[in-house]
Amino acid sequence: MANPLQQFIEAVAKEKGVEQDIIISALQDAIEAAARKRYKNENMRARFNLDTGQMELYAVKRIVETVTTPGIEMSLDEARQLYGDEAEVDMEVEFPRAPEDLGRIAAQTAKQVIFQKVREAERENIFAEYNQRVGEVVNGTVKRFENGDIIVEVGRIEAVLPRKEQSRAESYTPQDRLRAVIKGVNRSAKGPQIVLSRTDPALLIKLFEQEVPEIYDGTVMIRGAVREAGDRAKVAVFSRERDVDPVGACVGMKGTRVQSIIRELRGEKIDIVEWSEDPVAFVTNALSPAKVQRVSIVDDRERVMEVVVEDKQLSLAIGKKGQNVRLAAKLTGWRIDIKSEEEKRREVEAQFGSLEIASESSDEAAAAADASEVEAKVDGEAAATVESDVPLPYALTGIGEKTVRKLVEGGLTTVESVRDASVEQLSALPGIGEKTAEKILAAARGETPAESEGQA
């Protein structure tokens, strides 16, 4: 039969949900802490004897050549007198002490150490257990309220349902039962804090798994869920078998399955839509219950779509305060631009109008350019005609009319004035180079045979 100490260890381990080894380790630490207060100058060691079920206490001394601290050291000569030649330097020798001699204060210290160790072990167990259960739905009972947060009793521990994780459509009183999803586990000075949520989409998914057998067995898969807790939610479902209608399976006979989830979420509206690999089809389904006329992808890279609906369907597609289109965008991952047919028609007309104006402007500009070109051509031809009609005052053999006109325009109106000019004066006139000037002088003085203007 187990002695009282063994019974105590087993009872505490069972009650706190910790291993017996942890309780034994806590007891040993507690006895050592108490013994250090009773035997201040000695090195104490406690050990639980598994055979006898008793706690044993020892004063430990180390064998040294020269003793400097008598309470924790023993000389080699003294040790050999007690233990013979087996004693060597650095060996430890244990001297039994009676645990019963520790007294009332030491017992109180031991109790505190045991309590602290067991509490730490209990906290670690709770953290390890619930950290693996994040995303799981648990049942709890409302215990009390703290600054808007709800303290919920879940099994043998307390969890917190923060105000931001509460649905605005719900209210509770103490002792009310509720279901919530474990959102996370935080370490704190008071121990692990389990955080619950009633607004997380994971709660909606878990409720569907509990209510719909096809989801539980994997025939129907939930590919996405979004919520605005207390108002509306959208769930995208997909069937892995052709014969199973995913939406129908979730709704249930006469809506019984989805209605039980709506009741659990205090009247939150739930749209169940069929998931599709085709983004256009998925967006069309996600905007349910609104009927979509057509969908076009505006920007595939930025994931932008334009959706056109009937004028009467516009408010339904957008939803109350934009809720329907906002949830559809979150569910599909696409930015959705909704327009009515009337808006789209006006937009197209405006585009065509701007194109016509641009076309007319370009036609007018082209006509004006053609007219300017004709006018310039006419002016050029007229100028050339006028210029050719004016008679020259003289002619030079081998020099063309155009060159003679340049000489006249430069003030050389007679052959004599040309003959008296120098090469530098002639080449200074516009359009006459040095070689041409030499040929003009030769022609005016009659020194060389005449040359044509083309050769000049």
Protein backbone atom coordinates (compact mmCIF):
# COMPACT_ATOMS: atom_id res chain seq x y z
CA MET A 1 0.00 0.00 0.00
CA ALA A 2 1.31 3.46 -0.93
CA ASN A 3 2.36 5.69 1.94
CA PRO A 4 0.77 9.15 2.47
CA LEU A 5 3.49 11.00 0.54
CA GLN A 6 3.04 8.80 -2.54
CA GLN A 7 -0.73 9.22 -2.30
CA PHE A 8 -0.25 13.00 -2.11
CA ILE A 9 1.96 12.99 -5.21
CA GLU A 10 -0.56 10.91 -7.19
CA ALA A 11 -3.51 13.07 -6.09
CA VAL A 12 -1.84 16.38 -6.97
CA ALA A 13 -0.65 15.03 -10.34
CA LYS A 14 -4.16 13.88 -11.20
CA GLU A 15 -5.87 17.06 -10.01
CA LYS A 16 -3.51 19.45 -11.79
CA GLY A 17 -3.04 17.29 -14.86
CA VAL A 18 0.75 17.13 -14.58
CA GLU A 19 3.25 14.28 -14.52
CA GLN A 20 4.26 12.72 -11.17
CA ASP A 21 7.92 13.40 -11.98
CA ILE A 22 7.16 17.13 -11.94
CA ILE A 23 5.55 16.83 -8.48
CA ILE A 24 8.53 14.82 -7.19
CA SER A 25 10.99 17.38 -8.61
CA ALA A 26 8.97 20.17 -6.97
CA LEU A 27 9.06 18.33 -3.61
CA GLN A 28 12.83 17.85 -3.83
CA ASP A 29 13.35 21.55 -4.64
CA ALA A 30 11.02 22.51 -1.78
CA ILE A 31 12.83 20.34 0.80
CA GLU A 32 16.22 21.66 -0.34
CA ALA A 33 15.00 25.28 -0.11
CA ALA A 34 13.66 24.65 3.40
CA ALA A 35 16.83 22.80 4.46
CA ARG A 36 19.05 25.68 3.35
CA LYS A 37 17.22 27.91 5.81
CA ARG A 38 17.66 25.38 8.63
CA TYR A 39 21.27 24.36 7.82
CA LYS A 40 22.63 27.66 6.54
CA ASN A 41 26.31 26.69 6.20
CA GLU A 42 25.78 23.34 4.52
CA ASN A 43 25.12 22.20 0.96
CA MET A 44 21.81 20.30 1.14
CA ARG A 45 20.40 17.73 -1.28
CA ALA A 46 16.94 16.12 -1.19
CA ARG A 47 16.02 12.89 -2.93
CA PHE A 48 12.77 10.94 -3.18
CA ASN A 49 13.24 7.24 -2.55
CA LEU A 50 10.97 5.37 -4.97
CA ASP A 51 11.33 2.11 -3.04
CA THR A 52 10.31 3.44 0.36
CA GLY A 53 8.18 6.35 -0.82
CA GLN A 54 10.04 8.65 1.58
CA MET A 55 11.83 11.94 1.07
CA GLU A 56 15.49 11.77 2.11
CA LEU A 57 17.71 14.71 3.01
CA TYR A 58 21.52 14.83 2.87
CA ALA A 59 24.29 17.31 3.66
CA VAL A 60 26.83 17.09 0.82
CA LYS A 61 30.57 17.71 1.33
CA ARG A 62 33.30 17.70 -1.31
CA ILE A 63 36.67 16.04 -0.60
CA VAL A 64 39.57 18.49 -0.94
CA GLU A 65 43.28 18.59 -0.09
CA THR A 66 42.95 21.61 2.20
CA VAL A 67 39.65 22.56 3.84
CA THR A 68 38.72 26.27 3.55
CA THR A 69 34.92 25.99 4.12
CA PRO A 70 34.21 23.31 6.77
CA GLY A 71 30.46 23.28 6.14
CA ILE A 72 30.76 22.06 2.54
CA GLU A 73 34.28 20.58 2.40
CA MET A 74 36.08 17.57 3.92
CA SER A 75 39.80 16.83 3.99
CA LEU A 76 41.16 13.81 2.14
CA ASP A 77 42.64 12.38 5.38
CA GLU A 78 39.30 12.59 7.18
CA ALA A 79 37.50 11.01 4.27
CA ARG A 80 39.95 8.10 4.11
CA GLN A 81 39.49 7.49 7.82
CA LEU A 82 35.77 7.06 7.13
CA TYR A 83 35.75 5.40 3.71
CA GLY A 84 39.27 3.99 3.25
CA ASP A 85 41.38 4.28 0.14
CA GLU A 86 38.32 4.67 -2.10
CA ALA A 87 38.06 8.32 -1.09
CA GLU A 88 39.62 10.71 -3.64
CA VAL A 89 39.78 14.45 -4.16
CA ASP A 90 36.64 16.01 -5.73
CA MET A 91 34.39 13.15 -4.66
CA GLU A 92 31.19 14.08 -2.87
CA VAL A 93 30.14 12.54 0.46
CA GLU A 94 26.53 12.60 1.68
CA PHE A 95 25.60 12.80 5.37
CA PRO A 96 21.93 11.99 6.21
CA ARG A 97 19.78 14.63 7.86
CA ALA A 98 16.27 14.24 9.26
CA PRO A 99 13.62 16.09 7.15
CA GLU A 100 11.42 16.23 10.24
CA ASP A 101 13.87 18.65 11.87
CA LEU A 102 13.15 21.40 9.34
CA GLY A 103 10.38 22.97 11.45
CA ARG A 104 7.16 24.86 10.69
CA ILE A 105 8.70 27.79 8.70
CA ALA A 106 10.63 25.37 6.53
CA ALA A 107 7.45 23.42 5.87
CA GLN A 108 5.67 26.62 4.86
CA THR A 109 8.53 27.44 2.44
CA ALA A 110 8.31 23.93 1.01
CA LYS A 111 4.58 24.35 0.47
CA GLN A 112 5.09 27.61 -1.45
CA VAL A 113 7.77 26.09 -3.67
CA ILE A 114 5.61 23.06 -4.43
CA PHE A 115 2.64 25.29 -5.27
CA GLN A 116 4.74 27.50 -7.58
CA LYS A 117 6.34 24.57 -9.40
CA VAL A 118 3.04 22.79 -9.90
CA ARG A 119 1.39 26.01 -11.14
CA GLU A 120 4.20 26.59 -13.67
CA ALA A 121 3.89 23.01 -14.91
CA GLU A 122 0.13 23.38 -15.14
CA ARG A 123 0.47 26.59 -17.18
CA GLU A 124 2.91 24.95 -19.59
CA ASN A 125 0.52 22.03 -20.07
CA ILE A 126 -2.39 24.38 -20.75
CA PHE A 127 -0.35 26.43 -23.24
CA ALA A 128 0.88 23.31 -25.06
CA GLU A 129 -2.62 21.82 -25.20
CA TYR A 130 -4.52 24.87 -26.43
CA ASN A 131 -1.78 26.13 -28.74
CA GLN A 132 -2.36 22.97 -30.78
CA ARG A 133 -6.12 23.60 -30.81
CA VAL A 134 -6.06 27.04 -32.47
CA GLY A 135 -8.89 27.15 -35.02
CA GLU A 136 -10.98 24.61 -33.09
CA VAL A 137 -14.52 25.36 -31.88
CA VAL A 138 -15.10 24.96 -28.13
CA ASN A 139 -18.16 25.15 -25.90
CA GLY A 140 -18.05 27.42 -22.89
CA THR A 141 -20.09 29.14 -20.21
CA VAL A 142 -20.15 32.90 -19.63
CA LYS A 143 -18.65 33.48 -16.20
CA ARG A 144 -18.22 37.25 -15.84
CA PHE A 145 -17.51 40.53 -17.68
CA GLU A 146 -14.30 42.60 -17.48
CA ASN A 147 -14.16 46.00 -19.24
CA GLY A 148 -16.28 44.78 -22.14
CA ASP A 149 -14.45 41.46 -22.45
CA ILE A 150 -16.29 38.25 -21.62
CA ILE A 151 -14.58 35.66 -19.40
CA VAL A 152 -15.68 32.22 -20.55
CA GLU A 153 -15.22 29.00 -18.61
CA VAL A 154 -13.94 26.33 -21.00
CA GLY A 155 -13.51 23.02 -19.20
CA ARG A 156 -11.27 23.63 -16.17
CA ILE A 157 -9.76 26.89 -17.44
CA GLU A 158 -10.91 30.43 -18.14
CA ALA A 159 -10.70 31.94 -21.62
CA VAL A 160 -11.35 35.51 -22.77
CA LEU A 161 -13.67 36.68 -25.54
CA PRO A 162 -12.39 40.24 -26.27
CA ARG A 163 -14.83 42.98 -27.22
CA LYS A 164 -13.37 43.23 -30.76
CA GLU A 165 -14.02 39.48 -31.26
CA GLN A 166 -17.69 39.76 -30.27
CA SER A 167 -20.50 40.04 -32.79
CA ARG A 168 -22.48 43.25 -32.42
CA ALA A 169 -25.70 41.29 -32.93
CA GLU A 170 -25.11 39.23 -29.77
CA SER A 171 -25.46 39.88 -26.07
CA TYR A 172 -24.87 37.52 -23.15
CA THR A 173 -25.58 37.16 -19.46
CA PRO A 174 -23.70 35.05 -16.87
CA GLN A 175 -24.22 31.29 -17.19
CA ASP A 176 -25.14 31.57 -20.89
CA ARG A 177 -23.59 28.86 -23.03
CA LEU A 178 -21.77 29.77 -26.22
CA ARG A 179 -19.62 28.29 -28.96
CA ALA A 180 -16.49 30.11 -30.09
CA VAL A 181 -13.34 29.40 -32.06
CA ILE A 182 -9.92 29.45 -30.40
CA LYS A 183 -8.10 32.32 -32.10
CA GLY A 184 -4.81 32.16 -30.22
CA VAL A 185 -2.98 31.54 -26.95
CA ASN A 186 -0.93 34.31 -25.34
CA ARG A 187 1.67 33.96 -22.62
CA SER A 188 1.24 36.39 -19.73
CA ALA A 189 2.41 36.87 -16.16
CA LYS A 190 -0.81 35.32 -14.91
CA GLY A 191 -0.40 32.30 -17.14
CA PRO A 192 -1.50 31.40 -20.67
CA GLN A 193 -4.48 33.37 -21.93
CA ILE A 194 -6.78 31.58 -24.38
CA VAL A 195 -8.35 34.10 -26.78
CA LEU A 196 -11.74 33.19 -28.29
CA SER A 197 -13.57 34.72 -31.24
CA ARG A 198 -17.16 34.86 -32.45
CA THR A 199 -16.33 36.96 -35.55
CA ASP A 200 -13.58 34.88 -37.19
CA PRO A 201 -14.53 33.14 -40.48
CA ALA A 202 -13.01 29.97 -38.99
CA LEU A 203 -16.07 29.73 -36.70
CA LEU A 204 -18.35 29.75 -39.74
CA ILE A 205 -16.28 27.04 -41.46
CA LYS A 206 -16.28 24.82 -38.36
CA LEU A 207 -20.04 25.22 -37.94
CA PHE A 208 -20.56 24.09 -41.55
CA GLU A 209 -18.29 21.09 -40.91
CA GLN A 210 -20.43 20.14 -37.92
CA GLU A 211 -23.76 20.62 -39.71
CA VAL A 212 -22.97 19.31 -43.22
CA PRO A 213 -21.81 15.65 -43.43
CA GLU A 214 -20.55 16.16 -47.01
CA ILE A 215 -18.11 18.82 -45.79
CA TYR A 216 -17.03 16.68 -42.84
CA ASP A 217 -16.21 13.69 -45.06
CA GLY A 218 -14.50 15.82 -47.72
CA THR A 219 -17.02 15.40 -50.57
CA VAL A 220 -17.76 19.13 -50.48
CA MET A 221 -14.94 21.57 -49.79
CA ILE A 222 -15.12 25.12 -48.47
CA ARG A 223 -12.76 27.18 -50.66
CA GLY A 224 -13.26 30.47 -48.85
CA ALA A 225 -15.36 32.27 -46.25
CA VAL A 226 -15.72 35.97 -45.38
CA ARG A 227 -17.85 37.66 -42.75
CA GLU A 228 -19.06 40.94 -41.45
CA ALA A 229 -20.11 39.47 -38.13
CA GLY A 230 -23.73 40.01 -37.18
CA ASP A 231 -24.76 41.17 -40.67
CA ARG A 232 -23.72 38.98 -43.56
CA ALA A 233 -21.34 36.25 -44.66
CA LYS A 234 -20.37 34.56 -47.92
CA VAL A 235 -19.09 31.01 -48.27
CA ALA A 236 -17.59 29.53 -51.47
CA VAL A 237 -18.07 25.77 -51.79
CA PHE A 238 -16.86 23.21 -54.31
CA SER A 239 -17.91 19.59 -54.91
CA ARG A 240 -15.35 16.89 -55.67
CA GLU A 241 -18.11 14.69 -57.13
CA ARG A 242 -20.26 15.63 -60.11
CA ASP A 243 -23.40 14.13 -58.64
CA VAL A 244 -23.27 16.25 -55.49
CA ASP A 245 -24.56 19.82 -55.61
CA PRO A 246 -22.29 21.74 -53.17
CA VAL A 247 -24.73 24.60 -52.58
CA GLY A 248 -27.69 22.28 -52.10
CA ALA A 249 -25.75 20.09 -49.66
CA CYS A 250 -24.93 23.12 -47.49
CA VAL A 251 -28.44 24.55 -47.60
CA GLY A 252 -30.05 21.22 -46.73
CA MET A 253 -33.64 20.07 -47.08
CA LYS A 254 -35.83 23.20 -46.88
CA GLY A 255 -32.78 25.09 -45.61
CA THR A 256 -32.55 23.15 -42.34
CA ARG A 257 -28.74 22.93 -42.29
CA VAL A 258 -27.99 26.55 -43.01
CA GLN A 259 -30.81 27.72 -40.73
CA SER A 260 -29.24 26.04 -37.71
CA ILE A 261 -25.98 27.92 -38.43
CA ILE A 262 -27.88 31.19 -38.86
CA ARG A 263 -29.54 30.63 -35.47
CA GLU A 264 -26.15 29.94 -33.87
CA LEU A 265 -24.85 33.24 -35.33
CA ARG A 266 -27.92 35.15 -34.11
CA GLY A 267 -29.52 35.78 -37.51
CA GLU A 268 -26.44 36.52 -39.60
CA LYS A 269 -27.34 36.20 -43.32
CA ILE A 270 -25.26 33.62 -45.16
CA ASP A 271 -24.80 33.49 -48.96
CA ILE A 272 -23.57 30.10 -50.17
CA VAL A 273 -22.00 30.36 -53.65
CA GLU A 274 -20.32 27.85 -55.91
CA TRP A 275 -16.57 28.22 -56.31
CA SER A 276 -15.09 28.16 -59.83
CA GLU A 277 -11.58 28.17 -61.30
CA ASP A 278 -12.82 30.69 -63.88
CA PRO A 279 -12.55 34.10 -62.18
CA VAL A 280 -15.39 35.54 -64.27
CA ALA A 281 -17.77 32.74 -63.25
CA PHE A 282 -16.60 32.96 -59.62
CA VAL A 283 -17.21 36.72 -59.43
CA THR A 284 -20.62 36.25 -61.06
CA ASN A 285 -21.54 33.66 -58.41
CA ALA A 286 -20.05 35.68 -55.57
CA LEU A 287 -22.33 38.68 -56.31
CA SER A 288 -25.38 36.51 -55.55
CA PRO A 289 -28.26 37.17 -55.04
CA ALA A 290 -27.80 39.90 -57.69
CA LYS A 291 -28.04 38.80 -61.34
CA VAL A 292 -25.09 39.85 -63.48
CA GLN A 293 -25.46 40.82 -67.17
CA ARG A 294 -21.79 40.61 -68.17
CA VAL A 295 -18.32 40.63 -66.63
CA SER A 296 -15.08 41.78 -68.26
CA ILE A 297 -11.53 41.71 -66.93
CA VAL A 298 -10.10 45.25 -66.95
CA ASP A 299 -6.64 44.46 -65.59
CA ASP A 300 -5.55 40.85 -65.13
CA ARG A 301 -2.33 41.80 -63.35
CA GLU A 302 -3.98 44.15 -60.84
CA ARG A 303 -7.02 41.80 -60.64
CA VAL A 304 -9.66 44.36 -61.60
CA MET A 305 -13.05 43.42 -63.08
CA GLU A 306 -15.92 45.45 -64.47
CA VAL A 307 -19.40 44.07 -63.83
CA VAL A 308 -22.53 45.33 -65.60
CA VAL A 309 -25.97 44.64 -64.08
CA GLU A 310 -29.51 45.69 -64.92
CA ASP A 311 -30.53 49.08 -63.56
CA LYS A 312 -32.96 47.42 -61.13
CA GLN A 313 -30.24 45.06 -59.87
CA LEU A 314 -27.63 47.74 -59.10
CA SER A 315 -28.63 48.38 -55.48
CA LEU A 316 -28.90 44.64 -54.80
CA ALA A 317 -25.47 43.99 -56.32
CA ILE A 318 -23.85 46.74 -54.26
CA GLY A 319 -25.73 45.84 -51.09
CA LYS A 320 -26.41 47.80 -47.92
CA LYS A 321 -23.53 50.27 -47.49
CA GLY A 322 -21.62 48.37 -50.20
CA GLN A 323 -21.64 45.18 -48.14
CA ASN A 324 -22.47 42.68 -50.92
CA VAL A 325 -19.79 43.84 -53.38
CA ARG A 326 -17.27 44.29 -50.54
CA LEU A 327 -17.71 40.69 -49.34
CA ALA A 328 -17.65 39.39 -52.93
CA ALA A 329 -14.34 41.21 -53.54
CA LYS A 330 -12.83 39.75 -50.34
CA LEU A 331 -14.06 36.27 -51.22
CA THR A 332 -12.76 36.28 -54.82
CA GLY A 333 -9.64 38.41 -54.37
CA TRP A 334 -10.67 40.67 -57.28
CA ARG A 335 -11.47 44.40 -57.22
CA ILE A 336 -14.99 44.71 -58.59
CA ASP A 337 -16.28 47.84 -60.36
CA ILE A 338 -20.09 47.58 -60.65
CA LYS A 339 -22.03 49.64 -63.21
CA SER A 340 -25.64 49.67 -64.33
CA GLU A 341 -26.52 49.25 -68.00
CA GLU A 342 -27.53 52.93 -68.15
CA GLU A 343 -24.17 54.04 -66.73
CA LYS A 344 -22.30 51.80 -69.18
CA ARG A 345 -24.36 53.11 -72.12
CA ARG A 346 -23.59 56.75 -71.21
CA GLU A 347 -19.91 55.88 -70.80
CA VAL A 348 -19.78 54.26 -74.26
CA GLU A 349 -21.61 57.22 -75.84
CA ALA A 350 -19.13 59.62 -74.23
CA GLN A 351 -16.24 57.60 -75.60
CA PHE A 352 -17.71 57.58 -79.13
CA GLY A 353 -18.37 61.34 -78.88
CA SER A 354 -14.77 62.08 -77.99
CA LEU A 355 -13.59 59.87 -80.86
CA GLU A 356 -15.81 61.77 -83.36
CA ILE A 357 -14.52 65.15 -82.12
CA ALA A 358 -10.94 63.94 -82.41
CA SER A 359 -11.66 62.62 -85.92
CA GLU A 360 -13.23 65.94 -87.02
CA SER A 361 -10.30 67.90 -85.57
CA SER A 362 -7.80 65.74 -87.42
CA ASP A 363 -9.76 66.13 -90.71
CA GLU A 364 -9.86 69.92 -90.31
CA ALA A 365 -6.14 70.03 -89.54
CA ALA A 366 -5.38 67.92 -92.61
CA ALA A 367 -7.55 70.18 -94.84
CA ALA A 368 -5.85 73.28 -93.45
CA ALA A 369 -2.43 71.75 -94.06
CA ASP A 370 -3.40 70.89 -97.66
CA ALA A 371 -4.67 74.44 -98.24
CA SER A 372 -1.47 75.94 -96.81
CA GLU A 373 0.61 73.70 -99.02
CA VAL A 374 -1.37 74.70 -102.15
CA GLU A 375 -1.17 78.38 -101.18
CA ALA A 376 2.58 78.17 -100.62
CA LYS A 377 3.00 76.40 -103.96
CA VAL A 378 0.99 79.07 -105.75
CA ASP A 379 2.94 81.84 -104.04
CA GLY A 380 6.23 80.19 -105.01
CA GLU A 381 5.18 79.79 -108.62
CA ALA A 382 3.99 83.42 -108.76
CA ALA A 383 7.24 84.68 -107.27
CA ALA A 384 9.24 82.67 -109.76
CA THR A 385 7.13 84.05 -112.62
CA VAL A 386 7.56 87.63 -111.43
CA GLU A 387 11.27 87.16 -110.99
CA SER A 388 11.72 85.69 -114.48
CA ASP A 389 9.66 88.51 -116.06
CA VAL A 390 12.01 91.32 -114.84
CA PRO A 391 14.59 92.18 -117.64
CA LEU A 392 18.33 92.08 -116.78
CA PRO A 393 20.47 95.24 -117.42
CA TYR A 394 23.29 93.18 -118.94
CA ALA A 395 24.42 89.63 -119.73
CA LEU A 396 27.75 87.87 -119.23
CA THR A 397 28.91 85.13 -121.55
CA GLY A 398 28.90 81.74 -119.79
CA ILE A 399 27.24 83.11 -116.63
CA GLY A 400 23.61 82.13 -115.92
CA GLU A 401 20.70 84.53 -115.38
CA LYS A 402 20.34 83.62 -111.69
CA THR A 403 23.98 84.55 -111.01
CA VAL A 404 23.62 87.82 -112.94
CA ARG A 405 20.49 88.67 -110.88
CA LYS A 406 22.53 88.09 -107.65
CA LEU A 407 25.14 90.54 -108.97
CA VAL A 408 22.43 93.13 -109.74
CA GLU A 409 20.83 92.63 -106.29
CA GLY A 410 24.31 93.19 -104.77
CA GLY A 411 24.52 96.67 -106.45
CA LEU A 412 26.59 95.71 -109.57
CA THR A 413 24.11 97.01 -112.15
CA THR A 414 26.58 97.45 -115.05
CA VAL A 415 29.26 95.29 -116.67
CA GLU A 416 31.82 98.01 -115.84
CA SER A 417 31.00 97.82 -112.11
CA VAL A 418 31.45 94.02 -112.28
CA ARG A 419 34.74 94.38 -114.16
CA ASP A 420 36.10 96.87 -111.56
CA ALA A 421 35.14 94.59 -108.56
CA SER A 422 37.62 92.24 -106.91
CA VAL A 423 37.24 88.51 -106.26
CA GLU A 424 36.78 89.23 -102.53
CA GLN A 425 33.92 91.70 -103.22
CA LEU A 426 32.11 89.27 -105.50
CA SER A 427 32.51 86.22 -103.22
CA ALA A 428 31.11 88.30 -100.36
CA LEU A 429 27.74 88.39 -102.17
CA PRO A 430 25.14 85.75 -101.10
CA GLY A 431 25.25 82.57 -103.18
CA ILE A 432 28.59 83.37 -104.96
CA GLY A 433 31.72 81.43 -104.07
CA GLU A 434 35.37 82.29 -104.82
CA LYS A 435 35.64 80.10 -107.97
CA THR A 436 32.39 81.54 -109.34
CA ALA A 437 33.67 85.07 -108.61
CA GLU A 438 36.84 84.37 -110.65
CA LYS A 439 34.76 83.10 -113.61
CA ILE A 440 32.44 86.16 -113.39
CA LEU A 441 35.46 88.54 -113.55
CA ALA A 442 36.99 86.59 -116.46
CA ALA A 443 33.67 86.78 -118.35
CA ALA A 444 33.31 90.53 -117.66
CA ARG A 445 36.91 91.25 -118.82
CA GLY A 446 36.78 88.75 -121.72
CA GLU A 447 39.97 87.01 -120.62
CA THR A 448 38.87 83.33 -120.84
CA PRO A 449 36.46 81.38 -123.01
CA ALA A 450 32.85 81.47 -121.77
CA GLU A 451 31.63 78.64 -119.53
CA SER A 452 28.09 77.64 -118.80
CA GLU A 453 26.53 78.18 -115.38
CA GLY A 454 26.20 74.47 -114.80
CA GLN A 455 30.00 74.09 -115.25
CA ALA A 456 30.55 77.17 -113.13
